């Protein structure tokens, strides 16, 4: 690791560092980097930064730009510039939005400082049986509205999750399921689950708590596939997450190039 500040929970590394290597290194320090790309996890940090690859754990930790505290960037004229964290009230263009996801159109990232958190005390998985997609959307919206953000979720038809349900010994599934994961302090995870269970009881939704190691492994294997990532990415957009395919970045790029020469 290039530089770890345990007091500020910040780590500065080269964008060439492999994501998995960074995550494993900080885990050894009792810390956690809350980024799990909806993509192959074996690339470098720079790969995901240039593409602004969505985060599976978006609801709890934010996207990659949110997890980025500072960036040192080398522009085409060979000058370097450090993008520092700015208050939300700051006026002016969002330079970070130009660089993260900019595919090196404006400059090359030379170093990145990322935000870390303590290792989660508890990770819990819940399977909810549902009659339709609207019910799944209602559950997720209710949780987010109550500030009980899941670590991630995936909605699926029973036919799509047939093998998983068999592995989890869930035999009375309705047409659709919603898999949710909660992570963090044990008391916070418990509070979030109570909110979920109260909603399920109100609407007569059946739920199953998955805590056994074998169940967790089966869920992990089901979630961490390219097909699953494609489904989750689309569901995040459909349920709550604004699409990243908008004009915000292109508008920012246009305003900068018209007024500034790098």
C-alpha atoms as a PDB file:
ATOM      1  CA  UNK A   1       0.000   0.000   0.000  1.00  0.00           C
ATOM      2  CA  UNK A   2       1.289   3.430  -0.909  1.00  0.00           C
ATOM      3  CA  UNK A   3      -0.061   5.391   2.045  1.00  0.00           C
ATOM      4  CA  UNK A   4      -2.680   4.383   4.605  1.00  0.00           C
ATOM      5  CA  UNK A   5      -4.049   6.912   7.075  1.00  0.00           C
ATOM      6  CA  UNK A   6      -5.891   4.852   9.673  1.00  0.00           C
ATOM      7  CA  UNK A   7      -7.039   7.922  11.555  1.00  0.00           C
ATOM      8  CA  UNK A   8      -8.738   9.478   8.539  1.00  0.00           C
ATOM      9  CA  UNK A   9      -9.591   6.090   6.969  1.00  0.00           C
ATOM     10  CA  UNK A  10      -7.997   7.105   3.676  1.00  0.00           C
ATOM     11  CA  UNK A  11      -5.740   5.084   1.398  1.00  0.00           C
ATOM     12  CA  UNK A  12      -3.686   6.560  -1.457  1.00  0.00           C
ATOM     13  CA  UNK A  13      -2.644   4.104  -4.161  1.00  0.00           C
ATOM     14  CA  UNK A  14      -1.739   3.931  -7.826  1.00  0.00           C
ATOM     15  CA  UNK A  15      -4.641   3.379 -10.228  1.00  0.00           C
ATOM     16  CA  UNK A  16      -2.638   0.423 -11.572  1.00  0.00           C
ATOM     17  CA  UNK A  17      -3.202  -1.509  -8.339  1.00  0.00           C
ATOM     18  CA  UNK A  18      -5.551  -4.465  -8.746  1.00  0.00           C
ATOM     19  CA  UNK A  19      -8.848  -3.961  -6.936  1.00  0.00           C
ATOM     20  CA  UNK A  20      -8.757  -7.350  -5.214  1.00  0.00           C
ATOM     21  CA  UNK A  21      -5.209  -6.737  -3.990  1.00  0.00           C
ATOM     22  CA  UNK A  22      -6.251  -3.402  -2.467  1.00  0.00           C
ATOM     23  CA  UNK A  23      -9.311  -4.903  -0.777  1.00  0.00           C
ATOM     24  CA  UNK A  24      -7.341  -7.814   0.664  1.00  0.00           C
ATOM     25  CA  UNK A  25      -4.599  -5.503   1.944  1.00  0.00           C
ATOM     26  CA  UNK A  26      -6.984  -3.206   3.824  1.00  0.00           C
ATOM     27  CA  UNK A  27      -8.879  -6.184   5.287  1.00  0.00           C
ATOM     28  CA  UNK A  28      -5.612  -7.235   6.944  1.00  0.00           C
ATOM     29  CA  UNK A  29      -5.621  -3.801   8.599  1.00  0.00           C
ATOM     30  CA  UNK A  30      -9.165  -4.352   9.900  1.00  0.00           C
ATOM     31  CA  UNK A  31     -10.625  -1.986   7.295  1.00  0.00           C
ATOM     32  CA  UNK A  32     -12.918  -2.308   4.302  1.00  0.00           C
ATOM     33  CA  UNK A  33     -13.273  -0.739   0.855  1.00  0.00           C
ATOM     34  CA  UNK A  34     -16.972  -0.818   0.022  1.00  0.00           C
ATOM     35  CA  UNK A  35     -16.686  -1.175  -3.741  1.00  0.00           C
ATOM     36  CA  UNK A  36     -17.753  -4.295  -5.616  1.00  0.00           C
ATOM     37  CA  UNK A  37     -17.964  -3.547  -9.341  1.00  0.00           C
ATOM     38  CA  UNK A  38     -20.806  -4.896 -11.440  1.00  0.00           C
ATOM     39  CA  UNK A  39     -18.116  -6.307 -13.691  1.00  0.00           C
ATOM     40  CA  UNK A  40     -15.176  -8.692 -13.600  1.00  0.00           C
ATOM     41  CA  UNK A  41     -13.442  -7.955 -10.246  1.00  0.00           C
ATOM     42  CA  UNK A  42      -9.892  -8.695 -11.424  1.00  0.00           C
ATOM     43  CA  UNK A  43      -9.076  -5.379 -13.124  1.00  0.00           C
ATOM     44  CA  UNK A  44      -7.161  -2.394 -11.756  1.00  0.00           C
ATOM     45  CA  UNK A  45      -8.722   0.513  -9.904  1.00  0.00           C
ATOM     46  CA  UNK A  46      -8.020   2.708 -12.927  1.00  0.00           C
ATOM     47  CA  UNK A  47     -10.085   0.416 -15.146  1.00  0.00           C
ATOM     48  CA  UNK A  48     -13.188   1.011 -13.032  1.00  0.00           C
ATOM     49  CA  UNK A  49     -12.469   4.704 -12.513  1.00  0.00           C
ATOM     50  CA  UNK A  50     -12.227   5.423 -16.228  1.00  0.00           C
ATOM     51  CA  UNK A  51     -15.514   3.611 -16.855  1.00  0.00           C
ATOM     52  CA  UNK A  52     -17.247   4.596 -13.605  1.00  0.00           C
ATOM     53  CA  UNK A  53     -18.332   0.990 -13.267  1.00  0.00           C
ATOM     54  CA  UNK A  54     -21.458   0.793 -11.051  1.00  0.00           C
ATOM     55  CA  UNK A  55     -21.087  -0.511  -7.510  1.00  0.00           C
ATOM     56  CA  UNK A  56     -23.035  -3.575  -6.354  1.00  0.00           C
ATOM     57  CA  UNK A  57     -22.942  -1.999  -2.884  1.00  0.00           C
ATOM     58  CA  UNK A  58     -24.164   1.377  -4.176  1.00  0.00           C
ATOM     59  CA  UNK A  59     -26.989   1.783  -1.642  1.00  0.00           C
ATOM     60  CA  UNK A  60     -24.692   1.546   1.376  1.00  0.00           C
ATOM     61  CA  UNK A  61     -21.406   3.001   0.136  1.00  0.00           C
ATOM     62  CA  UNK A  62     -22.288   5.067  -2.928  1.00  0.00           C
ATOM     63  CA  UNK A  63     -20.671   4.889  -6.345  1.00  0.00           C
ATOM     64  CA  UNK A  64     -16.949   4.923  -7.085  1.00  0.00           C
ATOM     65  CA  UNK A  65     -16.849   8.728  -7.266  1.00  0.00           C
ATOM     66  CA  UNK A  66     -18.388   8.904  -3.774  1.00  0.00           C
ATOM     67  CA  UNK A  67     -15.667   6.562  -2.512  1.00  0.00           C
ATOM     68  CA  UNK A  68     -12.953   8.719  -4.082  1.00  0.00           C
ATOM     69  CA  UNK A  69     -11.553  11.450  -1.834  1.00  0.00           C
ATOM     70  CA  UNK A  70      -8.757  12.843  -4.020  1.00  0.00           C
ATOM     71  CA  UNK A  71      -7.340  12.302  -7.483  1.00  0.00           C
ATOM     72  CA  UNK A  72      -4.014  13.374  -8.926  1.00  0.00           C
ATOM     73  CA  UNK A  73      -4.452  13.887 -12.659  1.00  0.00           C
ATOM     74  CA  UNK A  74      -1.933  14.509 -15.422  1.00  0.00           C
ATOM     75  CA  UNK A  75      -3.435  16.515 -18.272  1.00  0.00           C
ATOM     76  CA  UNK A  76      -2.461  16.339 -21.933  1.00  0.00           C
ATOM     77  CA  UNK A  77      -0.195  19.363 -21.615  1.00  0.00           C
ATOM     78  CA  UNK A  78       1.852  17.347 -19.061  1.00  0.00           C
ATOM     79  CA  UNK A  79       0.693  19.520 -16.156  1.00  0.00           C
ATOM     80  CA  UNK A  80      -0.586  17.774 -13.054  1.00  0.00           C
ATOM     81  CA  UNK A  81      -3.535  18.766 -10.923  1.00  0.00           C
ATOM     82  CA  UNK A  82      -4.868  17.336  -7.672  1.00  0.00           C
ATOM     83  CA  UNK A  83      -8.625  17.145  -7.351  1.00  0.00           C
ATOM     84  CA  UNK A  84      -9.510  17.479  -3.680  1.00  0.00           C
ATOM     85  CA  UNK A  85     -12.745  16.808  -1.906  1.00  0.00           C
ATOM     86  CA  UNK A  86     -14.964  19.913  -2.009  1.00  0.00           C
ATOM     87  CA  UNK A  87     -18.019  20.790   0.088  1.00  0.00           C
ATOM     88  CA  UNK A  88     -21.409  20.160  -1.490  1.00  0.00           C
ATOM     89  CA  UNK A  89     -22.087  23.895  -1.483  1.00  0.00           C
ATOM     90  CA  UNK A  90     -19.043  24.626  -3.671  1.00  0.00           C
ATOM     91  CA  UNK A  91     -19.884  26.475  -6.880  1.00  0.00           C
ATOM     92  CA  UNK A  92     -18.389  25.471 -10.200  1.00  0.00           C
ATOM     93  CA  UNK A  93     -17.991  22.471 -12.448  1.00  0.00           C
ATOM     94  CA  UNK A  94     -17.638  19.045 -10.887  1.00  0.00           C
ATOM     95  CA  UNK A  95     -14.147  18.140 -12.080  1.00  0.00           C
ATOM     96  CA  UNK A  96     -14.335  14.746 -10.416  1.00  0.00           C
ATOM     97  CA  UNK A  97     -17.327  13.884 -12.579  1.00  0.00           C
ATOM     98  CA  UNK A  98     -15.230  14.731 -15.637  1.00  0.00           C
ATOM     99  CA  UNK A  99     -12.367  12.470 -14.613  1.00  0.00           C
ATOM    100  CA  UNK A 100     -14.214   9.531 -13.034  1.00  0.00           C
ATOM    101  CA  UNK A 101     -15.945   7.994 -16.013  1.00  0.00           C
ATOM    102  CA  UNK A 102     -14.155  10.256 -18.482  1.00  0.00           C
ATOM    103  CA  UNK A 103     -12.151   7.406 -20.083  1.00  0.00           C
ATOM    104  CA  UNK A 104      -8.976   9.555 -19.952  1.00  0.00           C
ATOM    105  CA  UNK A 105     -10.445  12.161 -22.330  1.00  0.00           C
ATOM    106  CA  UNK A 106      -9.267  14.955 -20.017  1.00  0.00           C
ATOM    107  CA  UNK A 107      -6.286  13.442 -18.293  1.00  0.00           C
ATOM    108  CA  UNK A 108      -4.571  10.422 -16.870  1.00  0.00           C
ATOM    109  CA  UNK A 109      -5.126   9.476 -13.232  1.00  0.00           C
ATOM    110  CA  UNK A 110      -1.749   9.185 -11.471  1.00  0.00           C
ATOM    111  CA  UNK A 111      -2.942   8.417  -7.938  1.00  0.00           C
ATOM    112  CA  UNK A 112      -6.235   7.922  -6.142  1.00  0.00           C
ATOM    113  CA  UNK A 113      -7.177   8.378  -2.502  1.00  0.00           C
ATOM    114  CA  UNK A 114     -10.098   6.179  -1.508  1.00  0.00           C
ATOM    115  CA  UNK A 115     -12.357   6.152   1.529  1.00  0.00           C
ATOM    116  CA  UNK A 116     -12.309   3.149   3.845  1.00  0.00           C
ATOM    117  CA  UNK A 117     -14.623   1.975   6.620  1.00  0.00           C
ATOM    118  CA  UNK A 118     -14.227  -0.456   9.515  1.00  0.00           C
ATOM    119  CA  UNK A 119     -14.962  -4.089   8.669  1.00  0.00           C
ATOM    120  CA  UNK A 120     -18.698  -4.810   9.015  1.00  0.00           C
ATOM    121  CA  UNK A 121     -19.663  -6.598  12.218  1.00  0.00           C
ATOM    122  CA  UNK A 122     -22.582  -8.402  10.622  1.00  0.00           C
ATOM    123  CA  UNK A 123     -23.712  -9.462   7.150  1.00  0.00           C
ATOM    124  CA  UNK A 124     -27.199 -10.912   6.811  1.00  0.00           C
ATOM    125  CA  UNK A 125     -29.148 -12.256   3.823  1.00  0.00           C
ATOM    126  CA  UNK A 126     -32.940 -12.367   3.550  1.00  0.00           C
ATOM    127  CA  UNK A 127     -35.095 -14.016   0.873  1.00  0.00           C
ATOM    128  CA  UNK A 128     -38.608 -12.547   0.527  1.00  0.00           C
ATOM    129  CA  UNK A 129     -41.326 -14.339  -1.468  1.00  0.00           C
ATOM    130  CA  UNK A 130     -43.451 -11.940  -3.508  1.00  0.00           C
ATOM    131  CA  UNK A 131     -46.436 -12.021  -5.871  1.00  0.00           C
ATOM    132  CA  UNK A 132     -45.107  -9.538  -8.450  1.00  0.00           C
ATOM    133  CA  UNK A 133     -42.487  -6.960  -9.394  1.00  0.00           C
ATOM    134  CA  UNK A 134     -44.457  -4.042  -7.938  1.00  0.00           C
ATOM    135  CA  UNK A 135     -44.293  -5.722  -4.540  1.00  0.00           C
ATOM    136  CA  UNK A 136     -40.497  -6.023  -4.858  1.00  0.00           C
ATOM    137  CA  UNK A 137     -40.248  -2.345  -5.766  1.00  0.00           C
ATOM    138  CA  UNK A 138     -42.446  -1.473  -2.782  1.00  0.00           C
ATOM    139  CA  UNK A 139     -40.171  -3.365  -0.396  1.00  0.00           C
ATOM    140  CA  UNK A 140     -36.992  -1.697  -1.660  1.00  0.00           C
ATOM    141  CA  UNK A 141     -38.593   1.776  -1.753  1.00  0.00           C
ATOM    142  CA  UNK A 142     -39.882   1.341   1.791  1.00  0.00           C
ATOM    143  CA  UNK A 143     -36.452   0.350   3.101  1.00  0.00           C
ATOM    144  CA  UNK A 144     -34.693   3.257   1.417  1.00  0.00           C
ATOM    145  CA  UNK A 145     -37.430   5.641   2.550  1.00  0.00           C
ATOM    146  CA  UNK A 146     -36.812   4.512   6.129  1.00  0.00           C
ATOM    147  CA  UNK A 147     -33.032   4.958   5.668  1.00  0.00           C
ATOM    148  CA  UNK A 148     -32.612   1.193   5.986  1.00  0.00           C
ATOM    149  CA  UNK A 149     -30.513   0.820   2.851  1.00  0.00           C
ATOM    150  CA  UNK A 150     -29.622  -2.733   1.892  1.00  0.00           C
ATOM    151  CA  UNK A 151     -26.089  -3.648   0.932  1.00  0.00           C
ATOM    152  CA  UNK A 152     -27.580  -4.878  -2.351  1.00  0.00           C
ATOM    153  CA  UNK A 153     -30.686  -6.584  -3.701  1.00  0.00           C
ATOM    154  CA  UNK A 154     -31.731  -8.739  -6.615  1.00  0.00           C
ATOM    155  CA  UNK A 155     -35.276  -9.446  -7.779  1.00  0.00           C
ATOM    156  CA  UNK A 156     -35.964 -12.619  -9.778  1.00  0.00           C
ATOM    157  CA  UNK A 157     -38.733 -14.793 -11.119  1.00  0.00           C
ATOM    158  CA  UNK A 158     -39.038 -18.166  -9.407  1.00  0.00           C
ATOM    159  CA  UNK A 159     -37.901 -19.885 -12.608  1.00  0.00           C
ATOM    160  CA  UNK A 160     -34.686 -17.806 -12.626  1.00  0.00           C
ATOM    161  CA  UNK A 161     -33.923 -18.693  -9.018  1.00  0.00           C
ATOM    162  CA  UNK A 162     -35.125 -22.296  -9.098  1.00  0.00           C
ATOM    163  CA  UNK A 163     -31.717 -23.838  -8.401  1.00  0.00           C
ATOM    164  CA  UNK A 164     -30.963 -21.329  -5.643  1.00  0.00           C
ATOM    165  CA  UNK A 165     -34.305 -21.963  -3.948  1.00  0.00           C
ATOM    166  CA  UNK A 166     -33.671 -25.698  -4.017  1.00  0.00           C
ATOM    167  CA  UNK A 167     -30.228 -25.203  -2.482  1.00  0.00           C
ATOM    168  CA  UNK A 168     -31.773 -23.024   0.230  1.00  0.00           C
ATOM    169  CA  UNK A 169     -34.545 -25.610   0.847  1.00  0.00           C
ATOM    170  CA  UNK A 170     -37.257 -23.085   0.011  1.00  0.00           C
ATOM    171  CA  UNK A 171     -39.989 -25.155  -1.596  1.00  0.00           C
ATOM    172  CA  UNK A 172     -43.116 -23.034  -1.267  1.00  0.00           C
ATOM    173  CA  UNK A 173     -41.971 -20.033  -3.274  1.00  0.00           C
ATOM    174  CA  UNK A 174     -44.521 -17.843  -4.985  1.00  0.00           C
ATOM    175  CA  UNK A 175     -43.961 -16.426  -8.434  1.00  0.00           C
ATOM    176  CA  UNK A 176     -41.077 -14.099  -7.551  1.00  0.00           C
ATOM    177  CA  UNK A 177     -38.383 -13.543  -4.949  1.00  0.00           C
ATOM    178  CA  UNK A 178     -36.382 -10.610  -3.641  1.00  0.00           C
ATOM    179  CA  UNK A 179     -32.945 -11.305  -2.191  1.00  0.00           C
ATOM    180  CA  UNK A 180     -31.650  -8.593   0.151  1.00  0.00           C
ATOM    181  CA  UNK A 181     -28.398  -8.263   2.037  1.00  0.00           C
ATOM    182  CA  UNK A 182     -27.716  -6.038   5.054  1.00  0.00           C
ATOM    183  CA  UNK A 183     -24.255  -5.203   6.358  1.00  0.00           C
ATOM    184  CA  UNK A 184     -22.670  -3.081   9.076  1.00  0.00           C
ATOM    185  CA  UNK A 185     -22.883  -2.798  12.843  1.00  0.00           C
ATOM    186  CA  UNK A 186     -24.813  -5.725  14.300  1.00  0.00           C
ATOM    187  CA  UNK A 187     -27.394  -3.467  15.977  1.00  0.00           C
ATOM    188  CA  UNK A 188     -27.961  -1.502  12.763  1.00  0.00           C
ATOM    189  CA  UNK A 189     -28.414  -4.685  10.725  1.00  0.00           C
ATOM    190  CA  UNK A 190     -30.945  -5.942  13.266  1.00  0.00           C
ATOM    191  CA  UNK A 191     -32.858  -2.652  13.139  1.00  0.00           C
ATOM    192  CA  UNK A 192     -33.040  -2.783   9.342  1.00  0.00           C
ATOM    193  CA  UNK A 193     -34.309  -6.350   9.413  1.00  0.00           C
ATOM    194  CA  UNK A 194     -37.025  -5.372  11.892  1.00  0.00           C
ATOM    195  CA  UNK A 195     -38.257  -2.712   9.461  1.00  0.00           C
ATOM    196  CA  UNK A 196     -38.276  -5.281   6.650  1.00  0.00           C
ATOM    197  CA  UNK A 197     -40.057  -7.936   8.716  1.00  0.00           C
ATOM    198  CA  UNK A 198     -42.722  -5.462   9.841  1.00  0.00           C
ATOM    199  CA  UNK A 199     -43.461  -4.564   6.210  1.00  0.00           C
ATOM    200  CA  UNK A 200     -43.560  -8.224   5.196  1.00  0.00           C
ATOM    201  CA  UNK A 201     -45.965  -9.004   8.026  1.00  0.00           C
ATOM    202  CA  UNK A 202     -48.209  -6.091   7.026  1.00  0.00           C
ATOM    203  CA  UNK A 203     -48.464  -7.343   3.421  1.00  0.00           C
ATOM    204  CA  UNK A 204     -48.348 -11.061   4.184  1.00  0.00           C
ATOM    205  CA  UNK A 205     -44.992 -11.598   2.456  1.00  0.00           C
ATOM    206  CA  UNK A 206     -43.069 -14.688   3.558  1.00  0.00           C
ATOM    207  CA  UNK A 207     -39.377 -14.280   4.360  1.00  0.00           C
ATOM    208  CA  UNK A 208     -36.453 -16.550   5.150  1.00  0.00           C
ATOM    209  CA  UNK A 209     -33.287 -15.606   7.037  1.00  0.00           C
ATOM    210  CA  UNK A 210     -30.122 -17.113   5.597  1.00  0.00           C
ATOM    211  CA  UNK A 211     -27.271 -17.362   8.091  1.00  0.00           C
ATOM    212  CA  UNK A 212     -25.767 -20.800   7.520  1.00  0.00           C
ATOM    213  CA  UNK A 213     -22.373 -20.810   5.799  1.00  0.00           C
ATOM    214  CA  UNK A 214     -23.589 -23.097   3.003  1.00  0.00           C
ATOM    215  CA  UNK A 215     -26.608 -20.881   2.338  1.00  0.00           C
ATOM    216  CA  UNK A 216     -24.401 -17.797   2.174  1.00  0.00           C
ATOM    217  CA  UNK A 217     -22.073 -19.547  -0.268  1.00  0.00           C
ATOM    218  CA  UNK A 218     -25.001 -20.523  -2.514  1.00  0.00           C
ATOM    219  CA  UNK A 219     -26.307 -16.955  -2.471  1.00  0.00           C
ATOM    220  CA  UNK A 220     -22.849 -15.569  -3.216  1.00  0.00           C
ATOM    221  CA  UNK A 221     -22.407 -17.936  -6.144  1.00  0.00           C
ATOM    222  CA  UNK A 222     -25.808 -16.888  -7.509  1.00  0.00           C
ATOM    223  CA  UNK A 223     -25.122 -13.165  -7.160  1.00  0.00           C
ATOM    224  CA  UNK A 224     -21.549 -12.926  -8.434  1.00  0.00           C
ATOM    225  CA  UNK A 225     -21.996 -13.800 -12.094  1.00  0.00           C
ATOM    226  CA  UNK A 226     -21.973 -11.586 -15.166  1.00  0.00           C
ATOM    227  CA  UNK A 227     -25.614 -12.452 -15.896  1.00  0.00           C
ATOM    228  CA  UNK A 228     -26.610 -11.547 -12.357  1.00  0.00           C
ATOM    229  CA  UNK A 229     -24.667  -8.273 -12.557  1.00  0.00           C
ATOM    230  CA  UNK A 230     -26.549  -7.318 -15.727  1.00  0.00           C
ATOM    231  CA  UNK A 231     -29.861  -8.043 -14.015  1.00  0.00           C
ATOM    232  CA  UNK A 232     -28.916  -6.100 -10.886  1.00  0.00           C
ATOM    233  CA  UNK A 233     -27.646  -3.107 -12.854  1.00  0.00           C
ATOM    234  CA  UNK A 234     -30.966  -2.837 -14.676  1.00  0.00           C
ATOM    235  CA  UNK A 235     -33.000  -3.363 -11.507  1.00  0.00           C
ATOM    236  CA  UNK A 236     -31.112  -0.630  -9.667  1.00  0.00           C
ATOM    237  CA  UNK A 237     -32.074   1.742 -12.463  1.00  0.00           C
ATOM    238  CA  UNK A 238     -35.675   0.573 -12.674  1.00  0.00           C
ATOM    239  CA  UNK A 239     -36.340   0.570  -8.946  1.00  0.00           C
ATOM    240  CA  UNK A 240     -34.563   3.622  -7.578  1.00  0.00           C
ATOM    241  CA  UNK A 241     -31.173   4.353  -9.051  1.00  0.00           C
ATOM    242  CA  UNK A 242     -31.057   7.137 -11.666  1.00  0.00           C
ATOM    243  CA  UNK A 243     -29.520   5.901 -14.888  1.00  0.00           C
ATOM    244  CA  UNK A 244     -25.906   6.832 -15.506  1.00  0.00           C
ATOM    245  CA  UNK A 245     -26.751   7.062 -19.202  1.00  0.00           C
ATOM    246  CA  UNK A 246     -27.674  10.730 -19.118  1.00  0.00           C
ATOM    247  CA  UNK A 247     -26.347  14.000 -20.499  1.00  0.00           C
ATOM    248  CA  UNK A 248     -24.820  15.290 -17.249  1.00  0.00           C
ATOM    249  CA  UNK A 249     -21.269  14.305 -18.051  1.00  0.00           C
ATOM    250  CA  UNK A 250     -21.410  15.359 -21.709  1.00  0.00           C
ATOM    251  CA  UNK A 251     -22.838  18.751 -20.700  1.00  0.00           C
ATOM    252  CA  UNK A 252     -20.040  19.213 -18.161  1.00  0.00           C
ATOM    253  CA  UNK A 253     -17.417  18.264 -20.724  1.00  0.00           C
ATOM    254  CA  UNK A 254     -18.849  20.734 -23.224  1.00  0.00           C
ATOM    255  CA  UNK A 255     -18.877  23.596 -20.697  1.00  0.00           C
ATOM    256  CA  UNK A 256     -15.275  22.928 -19.702  1.00  0.00           C
ATOM    257  CA  UNK A 257     -13.846  22.580 -23.221  1.00  0.00           C
ATOM    258  CA  UNK A 258     -15.539  25.774 -24.324  1.00  0.00           C
ATOM    259  CA  UNK A 259     -14.024  27.832 -21.504  1.00  0.00           C
ATOM    260  CA  UNK A 260     -10.693  26.189 -20.638  1.00  0.00           C
ATOM    261  CA  UNK A 261      -7.632  24.996 -22.537  1.00  0.00           C
ATOM    262  CA  UNK A 262      -5.691  22.195 -20.889  1.00  0.00           C
END
